[in-house]
Amino acid sequence: MAVNPIQLQKFLRGVDYPADKDTLVERARANGADDRVLDTLRRLRADSFNSPNDVSEVLGSER
């Protein structure tokens, strides 16, 4: 089952952008994300993100 982009953004609340992938994973973990969400973030093809929209765009392009 794919990760819902809206739910993903809830797990990323508090991220200061620009942010790298490791920062996203750590913030999501701190906000209670499960392993499926964390694995999805680790697999994103981009390494740096300038905004929440960047994360959503990369996630959408990998579906």
PDB file of N, CA and C in Angstrom:
ATOM      1  N   MET A   1       0.839  -1.191   0.000  1.00  0.00           N
ATOM      2  CA  MET A   1       0.000   0.000   0.000  1.00  0.00           C
ATOM      3  C   MET A   1       0.878   1.247   0.000  1.00  0.00           C
ATOM      4  N   ALA A   2       0.566   2.184  -0.857  1.00  0.00           N
ATOM      5  CA  ALA A   2       1.354   3.407  -0.989  1.00  0.00           C
ATOM      6  C   ALA A   2       1.103   4.346   0.194  1.00  0.00           C
ATOM      7  N   VAL A   3       2.095   5.151   0.480  1.00  0.00           N
ATOM      8  CA  VAL A   3       1.983   6.141   1.540  1.00  0.00           C
ATOM      9  C   VAL A   3       1.159   7.313   1.020  1.00  0.00           C
ATOM     10  N   ASN A   4       0.189   7.738   1.787  1.00  0.00           N
ATOM     11  CA  ASN A   4      -0.656   8.880   1.447  1.00  0.00           C
ATOM     12  C   ASN A   4       0.155  10.164   1.638  1.00  0.00           C
ATOM     13  N   PRO A   5       0.253  11.005   0.601  1.00  0.00           N
ATOM     14  CA  PRO A   5       1.061  12.236   0.703  1.00  0.00           C
ATOM     15  C   PRO A   5       0.596  13.176   1.814  1.00  0.00           C
ATOM     16  N   ILE A   6      -0.699  13.215   2.076  1.00  0.00           N
ATOM     17  CA  ILE A   6      -1.208  14.094   3.143  1.00  0.00           C
ATOM     18  C   ILE A   6      -0.761  13.568   4.504  1.00  0.00           C
ATOM     19  N   GLN A   7      -0.856  12.257   4.707  1.00  0.00           N
ATOM     20  CA  GLN A   7      -0.388  11.671   5.957  1.00  0.00           C
ATOM     21  C   GLN A   7       1.119  11.869   6.110  1.00  0.00           C
ATOM     22  N   LEU A   8       1.841  11.713   5.006  1.00  0.00           N
ATOM     23  CA  LEU A   8       3.288  11.904   5.044  1.00  0.00           C
ATOM     24  C   LEU A   8       3.633  13.300   5.536  1.00  0.00           C
ATOM     25  N   GLN A   9       2.948  14.310   5.031  1.00  0.00           N
ATOM     26  CA  GLN A   9       3.228  15.685   5.441  1.00  0.00           C
ATOM     27  C   GLN A   9       2.964  15.893   6.932  1.00  0.00           C
ATOM     28  N   LYS A  10       1.987  15.182   7.481  1.00  0.00           N
ATOM     29  CA  LYS A  10       1.734  15.282   8.924  1.00  0.00           C
ATOM     30  C   LYS A  10       2.934  14.765   9.708  1.00  0.00           C
ATOM     31  N   PHE A  11       3.562  13.708   9.223  1.00  0.00           N
ATOM     32  CA  PHE A  11       4.739  13.172   9.896  1.00  0.00           C
ATOM     33  C   PHE A  11       5.948  14.091   9.741  1.00  0.00           C
ATOM     34  N   LEU A  12       5.923  14.958   8.744  1.00  0.00           N
ATOM     35  CA  LEU A  12       7.056  15.861   8.488  1.00  0.00           C
ATOM     36  C   LEU A  12       6.863  17.245   9.108  1.00  0.00           C
ATOM     37  N   ARG A  13       5.823  17.408   9.912  1.00  0.00           N
ATOM     38  CA  ARG A  13       5.605  18.723  10.523  1.00  0.00           C
ATOM     39  C   ARG A  13       6.817  19.096  11.377  1.00  0.00           C
ATOM     40  N   GLY A  14       7.195  20.356  11.285  1.00  0.00           N
ATOM     41  CA  GLY A  14       8.333  20.848  12.044  1.00  0.00           C
ATOM     42  C   GLY A  14       9.657  20.811  11.306  1.00  0.00           C
ATOM     43  N   VAL A  15       9.670  20.292  10.082  1.00  0.00           N
ATOM     44  CA  VAL A  15      10.910  20.261   9.294  1.00  0.00           C
ATOM     45  C   VAL A  15      11.240  21.667   8.813  1.00  0.00           C
ATOM     46  N   ASP A  16      12.486  22.066   8.981  1.00  0.00           N
ATOM     47  CA  ASP A  16      12.966  23.331   8.432  1.00  0.00           C
ATOM     48  C   ASP A  16      13.588  23.042   7.075  1.00  0.00           C
ATOM     49  N   TYR A  17      12.996  23.607   6.036  1.00  0.00           N
ATOM     50  CA  TYR A  17      13.493  23.410   4.668  1.00  0.00           C
ATOM     51  C   TYR A  17      14.436  24.531   4.312  1.00  0.00           C
ATOM     52  N   PRO A  18      15.422  24.280   3.442  1.00  0.00           N
ATOM     53  CA  PRO A  18      15.708  23.019   2.774  1.00  0.00           C
ATOM     54  C   PRO A  18      16.159  21.964   3.772  1.00  0.00           C
ATOM     55  N   ALA A  19      15.878  20.703   3.423  1.00  0.00           N
ATOM     56  CA  ALA A  19      16.211  19.580   4.297  1.00  0.00           C
ATOM     57  C   ALA A  19      16.698  18.402   3.459  1.00  0.00           C
ATOM     58  N   ASP A  20      17.587  17.619   4.049  1.00  0.00           N
ATOM     59  CA  ASP A  20      18.042  16.421   3.345  1.00  0.00           C
ATOM     60  C   ASP A  20      17.175  15.225   3.762  1.00  0.00           C
ATOM     61  N   LYS A  21      17.367  14.141   3.059  1.00  0.00           N
ATOM     62  CA  LYS A  21      16.556  12.935   3.286  1.00  0.00           C
ATOM     63  C   LYS A  21      16.684  12.433   4.723  1.00  0.00           C
ATOM     64  N   ASP A  22      17.895  12.447   5.272  1.00  0.00           N
ATOM     65  CA  ASP A  22      18.090  11.971   6.647  1.00  0.00           C
ATOM     66  C   ASP A  22      17.285  12.803   7.644  1.00  0.00           C
ATOM     67  N   THR A  23      17.220  14.103   7.421  1.00  0.00           N
ATOM     68  CA  THR A  23      16.434  14.976   8.289  1.00  0.00           C
ATOM     69  C   THR A  23      14.953  14.615   8.217  1.00  0.00           C
ATOM     70  N   LEU A  24      14.464  14.344   7.010  1.00  0.00           N
ATOM     71  CA  LEU A  24      13.061  13.957   6.861  1.00  0.00           C
ATOM     72  C   LEU A  24      12.770  12.657   7.606  1.00  0.00           C
ATOM     73  N   VAL A  25      13.656  11.690   7.469  1.00  0.00           N
ATOM     74  CA  VAL A  25      13.463  10.399   8.145  1.00  0.00           C
ATOM     75  C   VAL A  25      13.450  10.587   9.657  1.00  0.00           C
ATOM     76  N   GLU A  26      14.394  11.354  10.175  1.00  0.00           N
ATOM     77  CA  GLU A  26      14.466  11.563  11.623  1.00  0.00           C
ATOM     78  C   GLU A  26      13.244  12.302  12.149  1.00  0.00           C
ATOM     79  N   ARG A  27      12.786  13.311  11.426  1.00  0.00           N
ATOM     80  CA  ARG A  27      11.606  14.064  11.868  1.00  0.00           C
ATOM     81  C   ARG A  27      10.369  13.177  11.820  1.00  0.00           C
ATOM     82  N   ALA A  28      10.225  12.408  10.760  1.00  0.00           N
ATOM     83  CA  ALA A  28       9.076  11.509  10.649  1.00  0.00           C
ATOM     84  C   ALA A  28       9.088  10.496  11.796  1.00  0.00           C
ATOM     85  N   ARG A  29      10.253   9.959  12.107  1.00  0.00           N
ATOM     86  CA  ARG A  29      10.367   9.006  13.227  1.00  0.00           C
ATOM     87  C   ARG A  29       9.940   9.684  14.531  1.00  0.00           C
ATOM     88  N   ALA A  30      10.421  10.901  14.760  1.00  0.00           N
ATOM     89  CA  ALA A  30      10.081  11.635  15.978  1.00  0.00           C
ATOM     90  C   ALA A  30       8.588  11.934  16.066  1.00  0.00           C
ATOM     91  N   ASN A  31       7.938  12.062  14.905  1.00  0.00           N
ATOM     92  CA  ASN A  31       6.509  12.358  14.863  1.00  0.00           C
ATOM     93  C   ASN A  31       5.641  11.099  14.794  1.00  0.00           C
ATOM     94  N   GLY A  32       6.255   9.928  15.008  1.00  0.00           N
ATOM     95  CA  GLY A  32       5.484   8.701  15.127  1.00  0.00           C
ATOM     96  C   GLY A  32       5.239   7.916  13.854  1.00  0.00           C
ATOM     97  N   ALA A  33       5.997   8.192  12.806  1.00  0.00           N
ATOM     98  CA  ALA A  33       5.811   7.461  11.545  1.00  0.00           C
ATOM     99  C   ALA A  33       6.165   5.992  11.722  1.00  0.00           C
ATOM    100  N   ASP A  34       5.425   5.133  11.011  1.00  0.00           N
ATOM    101  CA  ASP A  34       5.713   3.700  11.062  1.00  0.00           C
ATOM    102  C   ASP A  34       6.821   3.346  10.063  1.00  0.00           C
ATOM    103  N   ASP A  35       7.239   2.080  10.091  1.00  0.00           N
ATOM    104  CA  ASP A  35       8.343   1.639   9.234  1.00  0.00           C
ATOM    105  C   ASP A  35       8.047   1.813   7.753  1.00  0.00           C
ATOM    106  N   ARG A  36       6.790   1.655   7.347  1.00  0.00           N
ATOM    107  CA  ARG A  36       6.425   1.810   5.940  1.00  0.00           C
ATOM    108  C   ARG A  36       6.704   3.240   5.469  1.00  0.00           C
ATOM    109  N   VAL A  37       6.347   4.214   6.282  1.00  0.00           N
ATOM    110  CA  VAL A  37       6.590   5.619   5.942  1.00  0.00           C
ATOM    111  C   VAL A  37       8.088   5.903   5.923  1.00  0.00           C
ATOM    112  N   LEU A  38       8.802   5.410   6.920  1.00  0.00           N
ATOM    113  CA  LEU A  38      10.247   5.647   6.990  1.00  0.00           C
ATOM    114  C   LEU A  38      10.962   5.024   5.797  1.00  0.00           C
ATOM    115  N   ASP A  39      10.566   3.822   5.424  1.00  0.00           N
ATOM    116  CA  ASP A  39      11.162   3.166   4.251  1.00  0.00           C
ATOM    117  C   ASP A  39      10.883   3.945   2.976  1.00  0.00           C
ATOM    118  N   THR A  40       9.669   4.472   2.867  1.00  0.00           N
ATOM    119  CA  THR A  40       9.320   5.281   1.687  1.00  0.00           C
ATOM    120  C   THR A  40      10.218   6.499   1.599  1.00  0.00           C
ATOM    121  N   LEU A  41      10.434   7.178   2.706  1.00  0.00           N
ATOM    122  CA  LEU A  41      11.306   8.355   2.710  1.00  0.00           C
ATOM    123  C   LEU A  41      12.738   7.975   2.347  1.00  0.00           C
ATOM    124  N   ARG A  42      13.215   6.874   2.881  1.00  0.00           N
ATOM    125  CA  ARG A  42      14.589   6.447   2.577  1.00  0.00           C
ATOM    126  C   ARG A  42      14.784   6.133   1.098  1.00  0.00           C
ATOM    127  N   ARG A  43      13.727   5.691   0.434  1.00  0.00           N
ATOM    128  CA  ARG A  43      13.819   5.296  -0.979  1.00  0.00           C
ATOM    129  C   ARG A  43      13.613   6.452  -1.954  1.00  0.00           C
ATOM    130  N   LEU A  44      13.248   7.624  -1.480  1.00  0.00           N
ATOM    131  CA  LEU A  44      13.049   8.745  -2.400  1.00  0.00           C
ATOM    132  C   LEU A  44      14.318   8.992  -3.199  1.00  0.00           C
ATOM    133  N   ARG A  45      14.151   9.272  -4.475  1.00  0.00           N
ATOM    134  CA  ARG A  45      15.308   9.409  -5.375  1.00  0.00           C
ATOM    135  C   ARG A  45      16.066  10.709  -5.201  1.00  0.00           C
ATOM    136  N   ALA A  46      15.436  11.724  -4.654  1.00  0.00           N
ATOM    137  CA  ALA A  46      16.122  12.993  -4.401  1.00  0.00           C
ATOM    138  C   ALA A  46      16.777  12.942  -3.026  1.00  0.00           C
ATOM    139  N   ASP A  47      17.849  13.684  -2.847  1.00  0.00           N
ATOM    140  CA  ASP A  47      18.540  13.722  -1.564  1.00  0.00           C
ATOM    141  C   ASP A  47      18.288  15.005  -0.788  1.00  0.00           C
ATOM    142  N   SER A  48      17.790  16.042  -1.468  1.00  0.00           N
ATOM    143  CA  SER A  48      17.550  17.331  -0.841  1.00  0.00           C
ATOM    144  C   SER A  48      16.199  17.868  -1.297  1.00  0.00           C
ATOM    145  N   PHE A  49      15.523  18.539  -0.387  1.00  0.00           N
ATOM    146  CA  PHE A  49      14.175  19.038  -0.654  1.00  0.00           C
ATOM    147  C   PHE A  49      14.080  20.483  -0.171  1.00  0.00           C
ATOM    148  N   ASN A  50      13.511  21.344  -1.014  1.00  0.00           N
ATOM    149  CA  ASN A  50      13.407  22.759  -0.683  1.00  0.00           C
ATOM    150  C   ASN A  50      12.103  23.127   0.005  1.00  0.00           C
ATOM    151  N   SER A  51      11.116  22.230  -0.044  1.00  0.00           N
ATOM    152  CA  SER A  51       9.808  22.535   0.530  1.00  0.00           C
ATOM    153  C   SER A  51       9.006  21.245   0.685  1.00  0.00           C
ATOM    154  N   PRO A  52       7.910  21.305   1.435  1.00  0.00           N
ATOM    155  CA  PRO A  52       7.032  20.135   1.507  1.00  0.00           C
ATOM    156  C   PRO A  52       6.514  19.730   0.131  1.00  0.00           C
ATOM    157  N   ASN A  53       6.302  20.707  -0.728  1.00  0.00           N
ATOM    158  CA  ASN A  53       5.834  20.418  -2.078  1.00  0.00           C
ATOM    159  C   ASN A  53       6.856  19.583  -2.848  1.00  0.00           C
ATOM    160  N   ASP A  54       8.141  19.850  -2.657  1.00  0.00           N
ATOM    161  CA  ASP A  54       9.187  19.039  -3.301  1.00  0.00           C
ATOM    162  C   ASP A  54       9.058  17.573  -2.897  1.00  0.00           C
ATOM    163  N   VAL A  55       8.826  17.338  -1.612  1.00  0.00           N
ATOM    164  CA  VAL A  55       8.675  15.958  -1.130  1.00  0.00           C
ATOM    165  C   VAL A  55       7.491  15.294  -1.821  1.00  0.00           C
ATOM    166  N   SER A  56       6.366  16.001  -1.870  1.00  0.00           N
ATOM    167  CA  SER A  56       5.165  15.453  -2.500  1.00  0.00           C
ATOM    168  C   SER A  56       5.377  15.180  -3.985  1.00  0.00           C
ATOM    169  N   GLU A  57       6.069  16.080  -4.672  1.00  0.00           N
ATOM    170  CA  GLU A  57       6.325  15.897  -6.102  1.00  0.00           C
ATOM    171  C   GLU A  57       7.199  14.671  -6.353  1.00  0.00           C
ATOM    172  N   VAL A  58       8.248  14.505  -5.563  1.00  0.00           N
ATOM    173  CA  VAL A  58       9.128  13.353  -5.742  1.00  0.00           C
ATOM    174  C   VAL A  58       8.370  12.071  -5.409  1.00  0.00           C
ATOM    175  N   LEU A  59       7.598  12.090  -4.344  1.00  0.00           N
ATOM    176  CA  LEU A  59       6.806  10.921  -3.975  1.00  0.00           C
ATOM    177  C   LEU A  59       5.840  10.564  -5.098  1.00  0.00           C
ATOM    178  N   GLY A  60       5.164  11.554  -5.661  1.00  0.00           N
ATOM    179  CA  GLY A  60       4.207  11.326  -6.733  1.00  0.00           C
ATOM    180  C   GLY A  60       4.860  10.811  -8.002  1.00  0.00           C
ATOM    181  N   SER A  61       6.073  11.256  -8.280  1.00  0.00           N
ATOM    182  CA  SER A  61       6.750  10.837  -9.510  1.00  0.00           C
ATOM    183  C   SER A  61       7.272   9.407  -9.416  1.00  0.00           C
ATOM    184  N   GLU A  62       7.347   8.880  -8.210  1.00  0.00           N
ATOM    185  CA  GLU A  62       7.879   7.524  -8.020  1.00  0.00           C
ATOM    186  C   GLU A  62       6.778   6.471  -7.922  1.00  0.00           C
ATOM    187  N   ARG A  63       5.563   6.874  -8.045  1.00  0.00           N
ATOM    188  CA  ARG A  63       4.445   5.913  -7.964  1.00  0.00           C
ATOM    189  C   ARG A  63       4.247   5.225  -9.276  1.00  0.00           C
TER     190      ARG A  63
END
